[in-house]
């Protein structure tokens, strides 16, 4: 087992407004991702199984959670329970902790992102 995990050189996934870098963890209890957000999510999103905790490492933006817009900035923590619809926009670096670990089959994608951040 490797105890020290390195950030991947290349994105694990891409959207029109962000690049995501997944750490390769041995644990299946959680997953950890760095998201470099230069615009935001493509679509509204929820996860049927996992809770998501975002930490704003740098930058600022807006999270819209269950229809309510929330401005966020460096050092803010955003807790999103499972089955909660959200979207975000901005120029931020985010640390995402998902518990239990992320599985693509649990995604619930909604309408296109209507948020803008200047």
N, C-alpha and C. Protein backbone atom coordinates (compact mmCIF):
# COMPACT_ATOMS: atom_id res chain seq x y z
N UNK A 1 0.84 -1.19 0.00
CA UNK A 1 0.00 0.00 0.00
C UNK A 1 0.88 1.24 0.00
N UNK A 2 0.56 2.15 -0.89
CA UNK A 2 1.25 3.44 -0.91
C UNK A 2 0.48 4.41 -0.01
N UNK A 3 1.17 5.00 0.94
CA UNK A 3 0.51 5.89 1.89
C UNK A 3 0.43 7.33 1.38
N UNK A 4 1.33 7.70 0.51
CA UNK A 4 1.34 9.06 -0.04
C UNK A 4 0.77 9.00 -1.45
N UNK A 5 -0.29 9.74 -1.68
CA UNK A 5 -0.96 9.77 -2.99
C UNK A 5 -0.58 11.07 -3.71
N UNK A 6 -0.29 10.97 -4.97
CA UNK A 6 0.11 12.12 -5.78
C UNK A 6 -1.05 12.57 -6.67
N UNK A 7 -1.16 13.87 -6.87
CA UNK A 7 -2.14 14.42 -7.80
C UNK A 7 -1.79 13.97 -9.21
N UNK A 8 -2.74 13.42 -9.96
CA UNK A 8 -2.44 13.00 -11.34
C UNK A 8 -1.98 14.18 -12.20
N UNK A 9 -1.11 13.87 -13.17
CA UNK A 9 -0.64 14.91 -14.09
C UNK A 9 -1.72 15.36 -15.06
N UNK A 10 -2.60 14.43 -15.44
CA UNK A 10 -3.65 14.72 -16.41
C UNK A 10 -5.02 14.59 -15.77
N UNK A 11 -6.00 15.37 -16.24
CA UNK A 11 -7.35 15.28 -15.67
C UNK A 11 -7.94 13.88 -15.78
N UNK A 12 -8.64 13.46 -14.75
CA UNK A 12 -9.37 12.20 -14.74
C UNK A 12 -10.68 12.34 -15.51
N UNK A 13 -11.23 13.58 -15.52
CA UNK A 13 -12.43 13.88 -16.29
C UNK A 13 -12.43 15.36 -16.64
N UNK A 14 -13.19 15.70 -17.68
CA UNK A 14 -13.30 17.08 -18.17
C UNK A 14 -14.76 17.41 -18.40
N UNK A 15 -15.12 18.63 -18.07
CA UNK A 15 -16.40 19.20 -18.47
C UNK A 15 -16.09 20.51 -19.19
N UNK A 16 -17.10 21.16 -19.73
CA UNK A 16 -16.86 22.41 -20.43
C UNK A 16 -16.32 23.50 -19.52
N UNK A 17 -16.57 23.39 -18.21
CA UNK A 17 -16.16 24.45 -17.30
C UNK A 17 -15.22 24.03 -16.19
N UNK A 18 -14.72 22.79 -16.21
CA UNK A 18 -13.79 22.36 -15.16
C UNK A 18 -13.03 21.12 -15.58
N UNK A 19 -11.90 20.93 -14.92
CA UNK A 19 -11.11 19.71 -15.03
C UNK A 19 -11.07 19.07 -13.66
N UNK A 20 -11.22 17.74 -13.60
CA UNK A 20 -11.20 17.03 -12.33
C UNK A 20 -10.05 16.05 -12.26
N UNK A 21 -9.41 15.98 -11.09
CA UNK A 21 -8.27 15.11 -10.86
C UNK A 21 -8.59 14.20 -9.67
N UNK A 22 -8.79 12.91 -9.93
CA UNK A 22 -9.14 11.96 -8.88
C UNK A 22 -7.88 11.34 -8.28
N UNK A 23 -7.81 11.31 -6.95
CA UNK A 23 -6.75 10.59 -6.27
C UNK A 23 -7.09 9.10 -6.30
N UNK A 24 -6.10 8.27 -6.48
CA UNK A 24 -6.28 6.82 -6.52
C UNK A 24 -6.16 6.27 -5.10
N UNK A 25 -7.30 6.18 -4.40
CA UNK A 25 -7.32 5.72 -3.01
C UNK A 25 -7.57 4.23 -2.93
N UNK A 26 -7.01 3.60 -1.91
CA UNK A 26 -7.31 2.20 -1.62
C UNK A 26 -8.69 2.08 -0.97
N UNK A 27 -9.09 3.08 -0.21
CA UNK A 27 -10.37 3.07 0.50
C UNK A 27 -11.54 3.21 -0.47
N UNK A 28 -12.59 2.47 -0.22
CA UNK A 28 -13.82 2.61 -0.99
C UNK A 28 -14.88 3.36 -0.17
N UNK A 29 -14.49 3.82 1.03
CA UNK A 29 -15.41 4.56 1.89
C UNK A 29 -15.55 6.01 1.45
N UNK A 30 -14.57 6.51 0.70
CA UNK A 30 -14.63 7.89 0.23
C UNK A 30 -13.79 8.04 -1.01
N UNK A 31 -14.01 9.14 -1.71
CA UNK A 31 -13.15 9.50 -2.84
C UNK A 31 -12.78 10.97 -2.68
N UNK A 32 -11.61 11.32 -3.20
CA UNK A 32 -11.11 12.69 -3.10
C UNK A 32 -10.70 13.15 -4.49
N UNK A 33 -11.17 14.35 -4.84
CA UNK A 33 -10.94 14.92 -6.17
C UNK A 33 -10.55 16.39 -6.02
N UNK A 34 -9.67 16.86 -6.85
CA UNK A 34 -9.40 18.29 -7.00
C UNK A 34 -10.10 18.72 -8.28
N UNK A 35 -10.91 19.78 -8.20
CA UNK A 35 -11.58 20.31 -9.39
C UNK A 35 -11.06 21.72 -9.66
N UNK A 36 -10.43 21.90 -10.83
CA UNK A 36 -10.01 23.22 -11.30
C UNK A 36 -11.16 23.78 -12.11
N UNK A 37 -11.87 24.70 -11.51
CA UNK A 37 -13.09 25.26 -12.10
C UNK A 37 -12.77 26.61 -12.73
N UNK A 38 -12.92 26.71 -14.05
CA UNK A 38 -12.71 27.98 -14.73
C UNK A 38 -14.03 28.56 -15.21
N UNK A 39 -15.10 27.81 -15.11
CA UNK A 39 -16.44 28.28 -15.46
C UNK A 39 -17.46 27.68 -14.51
N UNK A 40 -17.52 26.34 -14.43
CA UNK A 40 -18.45 25.67 -13.52
C UNK A 40 -18.95 24.35 -14.07
N UNK A 41 -19.89 23.79 -13.36
CA UNK A 41 -20.53 22.53 -13.78
C UNK A 41 -21.22 22.72 -15.12
N UNK A 42 -21.31 21.65 -15.89
CA UNK A 42 -22.09 21.67 -17.14
C UNK A 42 -23.59 21.68 -16.85
N UNK A 43 -24.00 20.87 -15.85
CA UNK A 43 -25.43 20.64 -15.58
C UNK A 43 -25.68 20.62 -14.08
N UNK A 44 -26.93 20.80 -13.72
CA UNK A 44 -27.34 20.56 -12.34
C UNK A 44 -27.06 19.09 -12.03
N UNK A 45 -26.82 18.81 -10.77
CA UNK A 45 -26.32 17.49 -10.41
C UNK A 45 -26.83 17.10 -9.02
N UNK A 46 -27.00 15.82 -8.81
CA UNK A 46 -27.24 15.23 -7.49
C UNK A 46 -26.64 13.83 -7.53
N UNK A 47 -26.43 13.26 -6.36
CA UNK A 47 -25.94 11.89 -6.30
C UNK A 47 -26.85 11.10 -5.39
N UNK A 48 -27.34 9.97 -5.86
CA UNK A 48 -28.33 9.17 -5.15
C UNK A 48 -27.75 8.44 -3.94
N UNK A 49 -26.43 8.32 -3.86
CA UNK A 49 -25.82 7.51 -2.82
C UNK A 49 -24.85 8.26 -1.90
N UNK A 50 -24.16 9.25 -2.43
CA UNK A 50 -23.04 9.86 -1.70
C UNK A 50 -23.32 11.28 -1.25
N UNK A 51 -22.74 11.61 -0.10
CA UNK A 51 -22.69 13.00 0.36
C UNK A 51 -21.42 13.61 -0.21
N UNK A 52 -21.47 14.91 -0.47
CA UNK A 52 -20.33 15.60 -1.06
C UNK A 52 -19.94 16.78 -0.18
N UNK A 53 -18.65 16.89 0.05
CA UNK A 53 -18.13 18.03 0.80
C UNK A 53 -17.10 18.71 -0.08
N UNK A 54 -17.37 19.97 -0.39
CA UNK A 54 -16.45 20.78 -1.18
C UNK A 54 -15.75 21.76 -0.26
N UNK A 55 -14.45 21.92 -0.45
CA UNK A 55 -13.67 22.94 0.25
C UNK A 55 -13.06 23.84 -0.81
N UNK A 56 -13.25 25.16 -0.67
CA UNK A 56 -12.72 26.12 -1.64
C UNK A 56 -11.26 26.40 -1.28
N UNK A 57 -10.36 25.84 -2.07
CA UNK A 57 -8.92 26.00 -1.84
C UNK A 57 -8.47 27.40 -2.25
N UNK A 58 -9.00 27.87 -3.38
CA UNK A 58 -8.70 29.23 -3.84
C UNK A 58 -9.81 29.70 -4.76
N UNK A 59 -9.92 31.02 -4.90
CA UNK A 59 -10.91 31.62 -5.79
C UNK A 59 -12.24 31.87 -5.13
N UNK A 60 -13.24 32.08 -5.99
CA UNK A 60 -14.60 32.36 -5.51
C UNK A 60 -15.61 31.99 -6.57
N UNK A 61 -16.86 31.86 -6.13
CA UNK A 61 -17.91 31.48 -7.05
C UNK A 61 -19.27 31.45 -6.37
N UNK A 62 -20.19 30.73 -6.99
CA UNK A 62 -21.56 30.60 -6.50
C UNK A 62 -21.94 29.12 -6.55
N UNK A 63 -22.51 28.62 -5.46
CA UNK A 63 -23.14 27.30 -5.43
C UNK A 63 -24.63 27.54 -5.32
N UNK A 64 -25.41 26.91 -6.19
CA UNK A 64 -26.87 26.95 -6.11
C UNK A 64 -27.31 25.57 -5.62
N UNK A 65 -27.85 25.54 -4.40
CA UNK A 65 -28.21 24.28 -3.75
C UNK A 65 -29.70 24.32 -3.44
N UNK A 66 -30.44 23.35 -3.98
CA UNK A 66 -31.91 23.32 -3.81
C UNK A 66 -32.55 24.67 -4.12
N UNK A 67 -32.06 25.32 -5.18
CA UNK A 67 -32.65 26.56 -5.65
C UNK A 67 -32.13 27.82 -4.98
N UNK A 68 -31.30 27.73 -3.94
CA UNK A 68 -30.79 28.90 -3.23
C UNK A 68 -29.34 29.16 -3.63
N UNK A 69 -29.05 30.40 -4.07
CA UNK A 69 -27.70 30.78 -4.46
C UNK A 69 -26.89 31.18 -3.23
N UNK A 70 -25.65 30.68 -3.17
CA UNK A 70 -24.75 30.95 -2.06
C UNK A 70 -23.39 31.35 -2.61
N UNK A 71 -22.93 32.57 -2.28
CA UNK A 71 -21.59 32.98 -2.69
C UNK A 71 -20.58 32.25 -1.82
N UNK A 72 -19.50 31.78 -2.45
CA UNK A 72 -18.44 31.09 -1.73
C UNK A 72 -17.09 31.69 -2.10
N UNK A 73 -16.14 31.53 -1.17
CA UNK A 73 -14.79 32.04 -1.40
C UNK A 73 -13.80 31.13 -0.70
N UNK A 74 -12.52 31.43 -0.86
CA UNK A 74 -11.45 30.63 -0.26
C UNK A 74 -11.75 30.33 1.20
N UNK A 75 -11.52 29.08 1.59
CA UNK A 75 -11.68 28.56 2.95
C UNK A 75 -13.13 28.27 3.35
N UNK A 76 -14.09 28.41 2.42
CA UNK A 76 -15.47 28.00 2.71
C UNK A 76 -15.60 26.49 2.49
N UNK A 77 -16.48 25.87 3.27
CA UNK A 77 -16.78 24.44 3.15
C UNK A 77 -18.25 24.31 2.81
N UNK A 78 -18.57 23.50 1.82
CA UNK A 78 -19.94 23.31 1.36
C UNK A 78 -20.30 21.85 1.55
N UNK A 79 -21.35 21.58 2.33
CA UNK A 79 -21.79 20.21 2.60
C UNK A 79 -23.09 19.96 1.83
N UNK A 80 -23.08 18.94 0.98
CA UNK A 80 -24.24 18.63 0.15
C UNK A 80 -24.67 17.19 0.41
N UNK A 81 -25.84 17.01 1.05
CA UNK A 81 -26.33 15.65 1.32
C UNK A 81 -26.69 14.92 0.03
N UNK A 82 -26.77 13.59 0.10
CA UNK A 82 -27.17 12.81 -1.07
C UNK A 82 -28.57 13.25 -1.51
N UNK A 83 -28.87 13.07 -2.78
CA UNK A 83 -30.15 13.43 -3.38
C UNK A 83 -30.47 14.92 -3.32
N UNK A 84 -29.46 15.77 -3.18
CA UNK A 84 -29.66 17.21 -3.14
C UNK A 84 -29.15 17.81 -4.45
N UNK A 85 -30.04 18.51 -5.16
CA UNK A 85 -29.66 19.09 -6.46
C UNK A 85 -28.82 20.34 -6.24
N UNK A 86 -27.72 20.43 -7.02
CA UNK A 86 -26.86 21.62 -6.93
C UNK A 86 -26.15 21.84 -8.25
N UNK A 87 -25.57 23.03 -8.35
CA UNK A 87 -24.74 23.42 -9.48
C UNK A 87 -23.81 24.51 -8.97
N UNK A 88 -22.69 24.72 -9.63
CA UNK A 88 -21.83 25.83 -9.24
C UNK A 88 -21.19 26.48 -10.45
N UNK A 89 -20.75 27.72 -10.23
CA UNK A 89 -20.05 28.49 -11.26
C UNK A 89 -19.00 29.35 -10.57
N UNK A 90 -17.94 29.67 -11.27
CA UNK A 90 -16.91 30.54 -10.73
C UNK A 90 -15.54 30.16 -11.22
N UNK A 91 -14.57 30.83 -10.65
CA UNK A 91 -13.17 30.54 -10.91
C UNK A 91 -12.58 30.13 -9.57
N UNK A 92 -12.48 28.80 -9.36
CA UNK A 92 -12.08 28.27 -8.07
C UNK A 92 -11.31 26.97 -8.24
N UNK A 93 -10.52 26.67 -7.23
CA UNK A 93 -9.95 25.33 -7.08
C UNK A 93 -10.67 24.72 -5.89
N UNK A 94 -11.28 23.55 -6.11
CA UNK A 94 -12.10 22.89 -5.10
C UNK A 94 -11.52 21.54 -4.73
N UNK A 95 -11.55 21.24 -3.45
CA UNK A 95 -11.26 19.90 -2.96
C UNK A 95 -12.61 19.25 -2.71
N UNK A 96 -12.86 18.10 -3.32
CA UNK A 96 -14.13 17.40 -3.18
C UNK A 96 -13.89 16.07 -2.47
N UNK A 97 -14.60 15.86 -1.35
CA UNK A 97 -14.59 14.60 -0.64
C UNK A 97 -15.98 14.01 -0.77
N UNK A 98 -16.06 12.79 -1.28
CA UNK A 98 -17.33 12.11 -1.50
C UNK A 98 -17.38 10.86 -0.65
N UNK A 99 -18.48 10.71 0.11
CA UNK A 99 -18.62 9.53 0.97
C UNK A 99 -20.05 9.01 0.90
N UNK A 100 -20.23 7.69 0.62
CA UNK A 100 -19.20 6.75 0.21
C UNK A 100 -18.58 7.16 -1.12
N UNK A 101 -17.56 6.43 -1.53
CA UNK A 101 -16.80 6.76 -2.74
C UNK A 101 -17.73 6.96 -3.94
N UNK A 102 -17.35 7.89 -4.80
CA UNK A 102 -18.12 8.21 -6.00
C UNK A 102 -18.27 7.00 -6.90
N UNK A 103 -19.49 6.84 -7.44
CA UNK A 103 -19.78 5.85 -8.50
C UNK A 103 -20.61 6.56 -9.55
N UNK A 104 -20.19 6.49 -10.79
CA UNK A 104 -20.88 7.16 -11.91
C UNK A 104 -22.35 6.74 -12.00
N UNK A 105 -22.67 5.49 -11.71
CA UNK A 105 -24.05 5.02 -11.83
C UNK A 105 -25.01 5.66 -10.83
N UNK A 106 -24.48 6.39 -9.84
CA UNK A 106 -25.34 7.07 -8.86
C UNK A 106 -25.63 8.52 -9.23
N UNK A 107 -25.05 8.98 -10.35
CA UNK A 107 -25.27 10.36 -10.80
C UNK A 107 -26.72 10.61 -11.18
N UNK A 108 -27.22 11.78 -10.85
CA UNK A 108 -28.52 12.26 -11.31
C UNK A 108 -28.25 13.62 -11.96
N UNK A 109 -28.24 13.66 -13.28
CA UNK A 109 -27.97 14.91 -13.99
C UNK A 109 -29.27 15.61 -14.34
N UNK A 110 -29.26 16.92 -14.20
CA UNK A 110 -30.44 17.72 -14.48
C UNK A 110 -30.24 18.64 -15.67
N UNK A 111 -30.94 19.76 -15.64
CA UNK A 111 -30.90 20.73 -16.73
C UNK A 111 -29.52 21.39 -16.80
N UNK A 112 -29.28 22.11 -17.89
CA UNK A 112 -28.01 22.80 -18.09
C UNK A 112 -27.83 23.88 -17.03
N UNK A 113 -26.57 24.13 -16.71
CA UNK A 113 -26.21 25.15 -15.73
C UNK A 113 -26.64 26.53 -16.24
N UNK A 114 -27.43 27.24 -15.43
CA UNK A 114 -27.88 28.59 -15.80
C UNK A 114 -27.18 29.67 -14.97
N UNK A 115 -26.21 29.29 -14.15
CA UNK A 115 -25.47 30.27 -13.35
C UNK A 115 -24.38 30.91 -14.17
N UNK A 116 -24.11 32.16 -13.90
CA UNK A 116 -22.95 32.84 -14.47
C UNK A 116 -22.21 33.53 -13.34
N UNK A 117 -20.93 33.63 -13.47
CA UNK A 117 -20.11 34.28 -12.46
C UNK A 117 -19.08 35.16 -13.17
N UNK A 118 -19.09 36.41 -12.82
CA UNK A 118 -18.13 37.37 -13.43
C UNK A 118 -17.08 37.73 -12.44
